Amino acid sequence: MASKAISVGVGIPMIVVGALIAWLCAPLQSEMQNTIEFVGSLIGILGVVFFISGLFYTKEPIMH
């Protein structure tokens, strides 16, 4: 049972914002381009981690 609130509410927006920062904001800044690309990529990677963790989240512990 996946958590849509984590996957859709946190993961996907972080992926989108990270991509926008890395692809649109970084080329506009010549001095700190590498740093801005790194921060955007880091936000995107954390968004992927939140998205995947939302797929595996369950409210009740699974007992085997």
PDB file of N, CA and C in Angstrom:
ATOM      1  N   MET A   1       0.851  -1.174   0.000  1.00  0.00           N
ATOM      2  CA  MET A   1       0.000   0.000   0.000  1.00  0.00           C
ATOM      3  C   MET A   1       0.896   1.236   0.000  1.00  0.00           C
ATOM      4  N   ALA A   2       0.863   1.971  -1.044  1.00  0.00           N
ATOM      5  CA  ALA A   2       1.729   3.143  -1.203  1.00  0.00           C
ATOM      6  C   ALA A   2       1.082   4.387  -0.599  1.00  0.00           C
ATOM      7  N   SER A   3       1.908   5.338  -0.253  1.00  0.00           N
ATOM      8  CA  SER A   3       1.430   6.614   0.269  1.00  0.00           C
ATOM      9  C   SER A   3       1.465   7.644  -0.858  1.00  0.00           C
ATOM     10  N   LYS A   4       0.295   8.030  -1.335  1.00  0.00           N
ATOM     11  CA  LYS A   4       0.224   9.014  -2.408  1.00  0.00           C
ATOM     12  C   LYS A   4       0.651  10.397  -1.923  1.00  0.00           C
ATOM     13  N   ALA A   5       0.440  10.677  -0.636  1.00  0.00           N
ATOM     14  CA  ALA A   5       0.816  11.990  -0.111  1.00  0.00           C
ATOM     15  C   ALA A   5       2.320  12.199  -0.176  1.00  0.00           C
ATOM     16  N   ILE A   6       3.084  11.157   0.104  1.00  0.00           N
ATOM     17  CA  ILE A   6       4.539  11.283   0.050  1.00  0.00           C
ATOM     18  C   ILE A   6       5.014  11.294  -1.399  1.00  0.00           C
ATOM     19  N   SER A   7       4.528  10.351  -2.198  1.00  0.00           N
ATOM     20  CA  SER A   7       5.002  10.238  -3.575  1.00  0.00           C
ATOM     21  C   SER A   7       4.607  11.429  -4.436  1.00  0.00           C
ATOM     22  N   VAL A   8       3.319  11.768  -4.411  1.00  0.00           N
ATOM     23  CA  VAL A   8       2.817  12.829  -5.284  1.00  0.00           C
ATOM     24  C   VAL A   8       2.988  14.208  -4.660  1.00  0.00           C
ATOM     25  N   GLY A   9       2.850  14.300  -3.355  1.00  0.00           N
ATOM     26  CA  GLY A   9       2.892  15.595  -2.695  1.00  0.00           C
ATOM     27  C   GLY A   9       4.288  16.118  -2.413  1.00  0.00           C
ATOM     28  N   VAL A  10       5.262  15.215  -2.266  1.00  0.00           N
ATOM     29  CA  VAL A  10       6.610  15.643  -1.938  1.00  0.00           C
ATOM     30  C   VAL A  10       7.600  15.258  -3.024  1.00  0.00           C
ATOM     31  N   GLY A  11       7.562  14.008  -3.464  1.00  0.00           N
ATOM     32  CA  GLY A  11       8.562  13.502  -4.406  1.00  0.00           C
ATOM     33  C   GLY A  11       8.537  14.177  -5.764  1.00  0.00           C
ATOM     34  N   ILE A  12       7.396  14.202  -6.389  1.00  0.00           N
ATOM     35  CA  ILE A  12       7.297  14.758  -7.747  1.00  0.00           C
ATOM     36  C   ILE A  12       7.580  16.263  -7.777  1.00  0.00           C
ATOM     37  N   PRO A  13       7.049  17.069  -6.830  1.00  0.00           N
ATOM     38  CA  PRO A  13       7.418  18.495  -6.855  1.00  0.00           C
ATOM     39  C   PRO A  13       8.911  18.739  -6.645  1.00  0.00           C
ATOM     40  N   MET A  14       9.558  17.929  -5.805  1.00  0.00           N
ATOM     41  CA  MET A  14      10.999  18.103  -5.610  1.00  0.00           C
ATOM     42  C   MET A  14      11.773  17.768  -6.871  1.00  0.00           C
ATOM     43  N   ILE A  15      11.340  16.743  -7.601  1.00  0.00           N
ATOM     44  CA  ILE A  15      11.992  16.384  -8.859  1.00  0.00           C
ATOM     45  C   ILE A  15      11.843  17.523  -9.864  1.00  0.00           C
ATOM     46  N   VAL A  16      10.644  18.076  -9.963  1.00  0.00           N
ATOM     47  CA  VAL A  16      10.381  19.155 -10.921  1.00  0.00           C
ATOM     48  C   VAL A  16      11.171  20.413 -10.562  1.00  0.00           C
ATOM     49  N   VAL A  17      11.155  20.792  -9.289  1.00  0.00           N
ATOM     50  CA  VAL A  17      11.876  21.992  -8.865  1.00  0.00           C
ATOM     51  C   VAL A  17      13.381  21.820  -9.056  1.00  0.00           C
ATOM     52  N   GLY A  18      13.905  20.651  -8.722  1.00  0.00           N
ATOM     53  CA  GLY A  18      15.329  20.399  -8.918  1.00  0.00           C
ATOM     54  C   GLY A  18      15.733  20.471 -10.380  1.00  0.00           C
ATOM     55  N   ALA A  19      14.900  19.925 -11.256  1.00  0.00           N
ATOM     56  CA  ALA A  19      15.193  19.990 -12.687  1.00  0.00           C
ATOM     57  C   ALA A  19      15.135  21.428 -13.200  1.00  0.00           C
ATOM     58  N   LEU A  20      14.158  22.190 -12.737  1.00  0.00           N
ATOM     59  CA  LEU A  20      14.061  23.588 -13.170  1.00  0.00           C
ATOM     60  C   LEU A  20      15.253  24.410 -12.698  1.00  0.00           C
ATOM     61  N   ILE A  21      15.686  24.161 -11.477  1.00  0.00           N
ATOM     62  CA  ILE A  21      16.851  24.889 -10.970  1.00  0.00           C
ATOM     63  C   ILE A  21      18.093  24.524 -11.774  1.00  0.00           C
ATOM     64  N   ALA A  22      18.290  23.235 -12.004  1.00  0.00           N
ATOM     65  CA  ALA A  22      19.510  22.786 -12.689  1.00  0.00           C
ATOM     66  C   ALA A  22      19.527  23.212 -14.155  1.00  0.00           C
ATOM     67  N   TRP A  23      18.367  23.179 -14.832  1.00  0.00           N
ATOM     68  CA  TRP A  23      18.357  23.435 -16.269  1.00  0.00           C
ATOM     69  C   TRP A  23      18.080  24.883 -16.639  1.00  0.00           C
ATOM     70  N   LEU A  24      17.281  25.598 -15.849  1.00  0.00           N
ATOM     71  CA  LEU A  24      16.901  26.957 -16.223  1.00  0.00           C
ATOM     72  C   LEU A  24      17.669  28.037 -15.467  1.00  0.00           C
ATOM     73  N   CYS A  25      17.880  27.850 -14.181  1.00  0.00           N
ATOM     74  CA  CYS A  25      18.538  28.896 -13.382  1.00  0.00           C
ATOM     75  C   CYS A  25      20.050  28.860 -13.505  1.00  0.00           C
ATOM     76  N   ALA A  26      20.627  27.687 -13.613  1.00  0.00           N
ATOM     77  CA  ALA A  26      22.089  27.574 -13.633  1.00  0.00           C
ATOM     78  C   ALA A  26      22.733  28.251 -14.845  1.00  0.00           C
ATOM     79  N   PRO A  27      22.209  28.123 -16.054  1.00  0.00           N
ATOM     80  CA  PRO A  27      22.866  28.807 -17.179  1.00  0.00           C
ATOM     81  C   PRO A  27      22.823  30.336 -17.093  1.00  0.00           C
ATOM     82  N   LEU A  28      21.897  30.867 -16.325  1.00  0.00           N
ATOM     83  CA  LEU A  28      21.796  32.320 -16.202  1.00  0.00           C
ATOM     84  C   LEU A  28      22.863  32.896 -15.275  1.00  0.00           C
ATOM     85  N   GLN A  29      23.400  32.082 -14.400  1.00  0.00           N
ATOM     86  CA  GLN A  29      24.417  32.533 -13.449  1.00  0.00           C
ATOM     87  C   GLN A  29      25.784  32.022 -13.903  1.00  0.00           C
ATOM     88  N   SER A  30      26.666  32.915 -14.252  1.00  0.00           N
ATOM     89  CA  SER A  30      27.974  32.481 -14.764  1.00  0.00           C
ATOM     90  C   SER A  30      28.956  32.167 -13.650  1.00  0.00           C
ATOM     91  N   GLU A  31      28.889  32.892 -12.532  1.00  0.00           N
ATOM     92  CA  GLU A  31      29.868  32.700 -11.471  1.00  0.00           C
ATOM     93  C   GLU A  31      29.624  31.433 -10.661  1.00  0.00           C
ATOM     94  N   MET A  32      28.392  31.152 -10.341  1.00  0.00           N
ATOM     95  CA  MET A  32      28.074  30.027  -9.461  1.00  0.00           C
ATOM     96  C   MET A  32      27.313  28.928 -10.185  1.00  0.00           C
ATOM     97  N   GLN A  33      27.571  28.742 -11.450  1.00  0.00           N
ATOM     98  CA  GLN A  33      26.818  27.780 -12.246  1.00  0.00           C
ATOM     99  C   GLN A  33      26.966  26.362 -11.712  1.00  0.00           C
ATOM    100  N   ASN A  34      28.188  25.955 -11.362  1.00  0.00           N
ATOM    101  CA  ASN A  34      28.401  24.594 -10.870  1.00  0.00           C
ATOM    102  C   ASN A  34      27.676  24.351  -9.556  1.00  0.00           C
ATOM    103  N   THR A  35      27.691  25.340  -8.681  1.00  0.00           N
ATOM    104  CA  THR A  35      27.017  25.193  -7.388  1.00  0.00           C
ATOM    105  C   THR A  35      25.512  25.093  -7.562  1.00  0.00           C
ATOM    106  N   ILE A  36      24.948  25.916  -8.432  1.00  0.00           N
ATOM    107  CA  ILE A  36      23.504  25.882  -8.653  1.00  0.00           C
ATOM    108  C   ILE A  36      23.089  24.572  -9.311  1.00  0.00           C
ATOM    109  N   GLU A  37      23.885  24.068 -10.250  1.00  0.00           N
ATOM    110  CA  GLU A  37      23.586  22.775 -10.853  1.00  0.00           C
ATOM    111  C   GLU A  37      23.640  21.664  -9.812  1.00  0.00           C
ATOM    112  N   PHE A  38      24.621  21.749  -8.904  1.00  0.00           N
ATOM    113  CA  PHE A  38      24.740  20.734  -7.857  1.00  0.00           C
ATOM    114  C   PHE A  38      23.535  20.755  -6.932  1.00  0.00           C
ATOM    115  N   VAL A  39      23.120  21.933  -6.507  1.00  0.00           N
ATOM    116  CA  VAL A  39      21.970  22.048  -5.602  1.00  0.00           C
ATOM    117  C   VAL A  39      20.695  21.563  -6.297  1.00  0.00           C
ATOM    118  N   GLY A  40      20.496  21.930  -7.554  1.00  0.00           N
ATOM    119  CA  GLY A  40      19.326  21.460  -8.297  1.00  0.00           C
ATOM    120  C   GLY A  40      19.320  19.959  -8.464  1.00  0.00           C
ATOM    121  N   SER A  41      20.473  19.390  -8.757  1.00  0.00           N
ATOM    122  CA  SER A  41      20.571  17.937  -8.895  1.00  0.00           C
ATOM    123  C   SER A  41      20.327  17.247  -7.561  1.00  0.00           C
ATOM    124  N   LEU A  42      20.844  17.818  -6.482  1.00  0.00           N
ATOM    125  CA  LEU A  42      20.639  17.245  -5.159  1.00  0.00           C
ATOM    126  C   LEU A  42      19.161  17.255  -4.770  1.00  0.00           C
ATOM    127  N   ILE A  43      18.474  18.344  -5.057  1.00  0.00           N
ATOM    128  CA  ILE A  43      17.039  18.417  -4.776  1.00  0.00           C
ATOM    129  C   ILE A  43      16.286  17.364  -5.599  1.00  0.00           C
ATOM    130  N   GLY A  44      16.662  17.208  -6.868  1.00  0.00           N
ATOM    131  CA  GLY A  44      16.020  16.209  -7.708  1.00  0.00           C
ATOM    132  C   GLY A  44      16.258  14.793  -7.223  1.00  0.00           C
ATOM    133  N   ILE A  45      17.478  14.496  -6.793  1.00  0.00           N
ATOM    134  CA  ILE A  45      17.795  13.157  -6.291  1.00  0.00           C
ATOM    135  C   ILE A  45      17.041  12.879  -4.995  1.00  0.00           C
ATOM    136  N   LEU A  46      16.970  13.864  -4.119  1.00  0.00           N
ATOM    137  CA  LEU A  46      16.184  13.684  -2.891  1.00  0.00           C
ATOM    138  C   LEU A  46      14.698  13.491  -3.209  1.00  0.00           C
ATOM    139  N   GLY A  47      14.211  14.150  -4.253  1.00  0.00           N
ATOM    140  CA  GLY A  47      12.830  13.943  -4.683  1.00  0.00           C
ATOM    141  C   GLY A  47      12.585  12.518  -5.145  1.00  0.00           C
ATOM    142  N   VAL A  48      13.559  11.942  -5.848  1.00  0.00           N
ATOM    143  CA  VAL A  48      13.439  10.544  -6.279  1.00  0.00           C
ATOM    144  C   VAL A  48      13.431   9.621  -5.066  1.00  0.00           C
ATOM    145  N   VAL A  49      14.269   9.925  -4.070  1.00  0.00           N
ATOM    146  CA  VAL A  49      14.297   9.110  -2.845  1.00  0.00           C
ATOM    147  C   VAL A  49      12.955   9.184  -2.121  1.00  0.00           C
ATOM    148  N   PHE A  50      12.386  10.384  -1.998  1.00  0.00           N
ATOM    149  CA  PHE A  50      11.074  10.517  -1.362  1.00  0.00           C
ATOM    150  C   PHE A  50       9.995   9.811  -2.169  1.00  0.00           C
ATOM    151  N   PHE A  51      10.063   9.888  -3.490  1.00  0.00           N
ATOM    152  CA  PHE A  51       9.069   9.219  -4.337  1.00  0.00           C
ATOM    153  C   PHE A  51       9.116   7.711  -4.131  1.00  0.00           C
ATOM    154  N   ILE A  52      10.314   7.145  -4.128  1.00  0.00           N
ATOM    155  CA  ILE A  52      10.449   5.694  -3.955  1.00  0.00           C
ATOM    156  C   ILE A  52      10.059   5.278  -2.538  1.00  0.00           C
ATOM    157  N   SER A  53      10.436   6.071  -1.540  1.00  0.00           N
ATOM    158  CA  SER A  53      10.049   5.718  -0.169  1.00  0.00           C
ATOM    159  C   SER A  53       8.535   5.792   0.012  1.00  0.00           C
ATOM    160  N   GLY A  54       7.880   6.702  -0.698  1.00  0.00           N
ATOM    161  CA  GLY A  54       6.419   6.767  -0.644  1.00  0.00           C
ATOM    162  C   GLY A  54       5.759   5.545  -1.245  1.00  0.00           C
ATOM    163  N   LEU A  55       6.419   4.904  -2.192  1.00  0.00           N
ATOM    164  CA  LEU A  55       5.864   3.682  -2.775  1.00  0.00           C
ATOM    165  C   LEU A  55       5.910   2.513  -1.804  1.00  0.00           C
ATOM    166  N   PHE A  56       6.888   2.507  -0.901  1.00  0.00           N
ATOM    167  CA  PHE A  56       7.054   1.391   0.021  1.00  0.00           C
ATOM    168  C   PHE A  56       6.498   1.663   1.419  1.00  0.00           C
ATOM    169  N   TYR A  57       5.946   2.836   1.658  1.00  0.00           N
ATOM    170  CA  TYR A  57       5.454   3.200   2.986  1.00  0.00           C
ATOM    171  C   TYR A  57       4.131   2.509   3.265  1.00  0.00           C
ATOM    172  N   THR A  58       4.008   1.934   4.461  1.00  0.00           N
ATOM    173  CA  THR A  58       2.733   1.374   4.920  1.00  0.00           C
ATOM    174  C   THR A  58       2.463   1.895   6.322  1.00  0.00           C
ATOM    175  N   LYS A  59       1.213   2.117   6.631  1.00  0.00           N
ATOM    176  CA  LYS A  59       0.846   2.609   7.962  1.00  0.00           C
ATOM    177  C   LYS A  59       0.879   1.503   9.001  1.00  0.00           C
ATOM    178  N   GLU A  60       0.521   0.292   8.577  1.00  0.00           N
ATOM    179  CA  GLU A  60       0.545  -0.840   9.490  1.00  0.00           C
ATOM    180  C   GLU A  60       1.785  -1.669   9.221  1.00  0.00           C
ATOM    181  N   PRO A  61       2.447  -2.155  10.260  1.00  0.00           N
ATOM    182  CA  PRO A  61       3.608  -3.031  10.029  1.00  0.00           C
ATOM    183  C   PRO A  61       3.165  -4.342   9.390  1.00  0.00           C
ATOM    184  N   ILE A  62       3.969  -4.827   8.492  1.00  0.00           N
ATOM    185  CA  ILE A  62       3.665  -6.083   7.794  1.00  0.00           C
ATOM    186  C   ILE A  62       4.295  -7.221   8.572  1.00  0.00           C
ATOM    187  N   MET A  63       3.472  -8.120   9.061  1.00  0.00           N
ATOM    188  CA  MET A  63       3.952  -9.280   9.822  1.00  0.00           C
ATOM    189  C   MET A  63       3.897 -10.510   8.935  1.00  0.00           C
ATOM    190  N   HIS A  64       4.999 -11.199   8.843  1.00  0.00           N
ATOM    191  CA  HIS A  64       5.026 -12.431   8.025  1.00  0.00           C
ATOM    192  C   HIS A  64       4.966 -13.640   8.901  1.00  0.00           C
TER     193      HIS A  64
END
